[in-house]
Amino acid sequence: MEELNDLQIVQIIGTIVTRHGCEIIEMDLNNYILDIDGPAEAKRECAKELQIFLG
């Protein structure tokens, strides 16, 4: 399986975040920063899915 490029990773992260009704406040892939905002339960579910995707 080939590695995903940065654009693909950003697109998948965006899809996951919007699926849970959240929004991206700040994202910096080089420094491993991802700040999301939304309702508390949505952020929890979003974070769980992001953790699975990002490892």
C-alpha atoms as a PDB file:
ATOM      1  CA  MET A   1       0.000   0.000   0.000  1.00  0.00           C
ATOM      2  CA  GLU A   2       1.361   3.426  -0.896  1.00  0.00           C
ATOM      3  CA  GLU A   3       1.750   6.256   1.590  1.00  0.00           C
ATOM      4  CA  LEU A   4      -0.734   9.120   1.570  1.00  0.00           C
ATOM      5  CA  ASN A   5       0.584  12.547   0.617  1.00  0.00           C
ATOM      6  CA  ASP A   6      -0.071  15.635   2.762  1.00  0.00           C
ATOM      7  CA  LEU A   7      -3.009  16.803   0.622  1.00  0.00           C
ATOM      8  CA  GLN A   8      -4.727  13.432   0.955  1.00  0.00           C
ATOM      9  CA  ILE A   9      -4.175  13.430   4.720  1.00  0.00           C
ATOM     10  CA  VAL A  10      -5.627  16.952   5.033  1.00  0.00           C
ATOM     11  CA  GLN A  11      -8.660  15.950   2.952  1.00  0.00           C
ATOM     12  CA  ILE A  12      -9.336  12.866   5.071  1.00  0.00           C
ATOM     13  CA  ILE A  13      -8.916  14.832   8.307  1.00  0.00           C
ATOM     14  CA  GLY A  14     -11.356  17.446   6.958  1.00  0.00           C
ATOM     15  CA  THR A  15     -13.870  14.747   6.086  1.00  0.00           C
ATOM     16  CA  ILE A  16     -13.642  13.179   9.537  1.00  0.00           C
ATOM     17  CA  VAL A  17     -13.963  16.530  11.315  1.00  0.00           C
ATOM     18  CA  THR A  18     -16.994  17.707   9.312  1.00  0.00           C
ATOM     19  CA  ARG A  19     -18.665  14.283   9.598  1.00  0.00           C
ATOM     20  CA  HIS A  20     -18.849  14.860  13.350  1.00  0.00           C
ATOM     21  CA  GLY A  21     -20.106  18.444  13.048  1.00  0.00           C
ATOM     22  CA  CYS A  22     -16.823  19.987  14.132  1.00  0.00           C
ATOM     23  CA  GLU A  23     -14.495  22.478  12.489  1.00  0.00           C
ATOM     24  CA  ILE A  24     -10.747  22.787  12.201  1.00  0.00           C
ATOM     25  CA  ILE A  25      -9.327  25.764  14.115  1.00  0.00           C
ATOM     26  CA  GLU A  26      -5.646  25.080  13.438  1.00  0.00           C
ATOM     27  CA  MET A  27      -3.754  22.348  11.605  1.00  0.00           C
ATOM     28  CA  ASP A  28       0.008  21.937  11.252  1.00  0.00           C
ATOM     29  CA  LEU A  29       1.011  18.495  10.012  1.00  0.00           C
ATOM     30  CA  ASN A  30       4.734  19.147  10.440  1.00  0.00           C
ATOM     31  CA  ASN A  31       4.365  19.899  14.160  1.00  0.00           C
ATOM     32  CA  TYR A  32       1.509  17.442  14.801  1.00  0.00           C
ATOM     33  CA  ILE A  33      -0.987  20.159  15.743  1.00  0.00           C
ATOM     34  CA  LEU A  34      -4.700  19.695  15.134  1.00  0.00           C
ATOM     35  CA  ASP A  35      -7.128  21.919  17.025  1.00  0.00           C
ATOM     36  CA  ILE A  36     -10.827  21.267  16.463  1.00  0.00           C
ATOM     37  CA  ASP A  37     -13.947  22.908  17.845  1.00  0.00           C
ATOM     38  CA  GLY A  38     -17.510  21.732  18.236  1.00  0.00           C
ATOM     39  CA  PRO A  39     -19.905  20.321  20.804  1.00  0.00           C
ATOM     40  CA  ALA A  40     -18.173  18.290  23.516  1.00  0.00           C
ATOM     41  CA  GLU A  41     -19.586  14.889  22.486  1.00  0.00           C
ATOM     42  CA  ALA A  42     -18.857  15.568  18.800  1.00  0.00           C
ATOM     43  CA  LYS A  43     -15.262  16.506  19.630  1.00  0.00           C
ATOM     44  CA  ARG A  44     -14.819  13.278  21.598  1.00  0.00           C
ATOM     45  CA  GLU A  45     -16.119  11.128  18.743  1.00  0.00           C
ATOM     46  CA  CYS A  46     -14.097  13.113  16.207  1.00  0.00           C
ATOM     47  CA  ALA A  47     -10.937  12.706  18.286  1.00  0.00           C
ATOM     48  CA  LYS A  48     -11.498   8.945  18.554  1.00  0.00           C
ATOM     49  CA  GLU A  49     -11.819   8.573  14.781  1.00  0.00           C
ATOM     50  CA  LEU A  50      -8.840  10.858  14.152  1.00  0.00           C
ATOM     51  CA  GLN A  51      -6.736   8.821  16.566  1.00  0.00           C
ATOM     52  CA  ILE A  52      -7.556   5.647  14.644  1.00  0.00           C
ATOM     53  CA  PHE A  53      -6.721   7.293  11.306  1.00  0.00           C
ATOM     54  CA  LEU A  54      -3.573   9.089  12.432  1.00  0.00           C
ATOM     55  CA  GLY A  55      -2.314   6.378  14.730  1.00  0.00           C
END
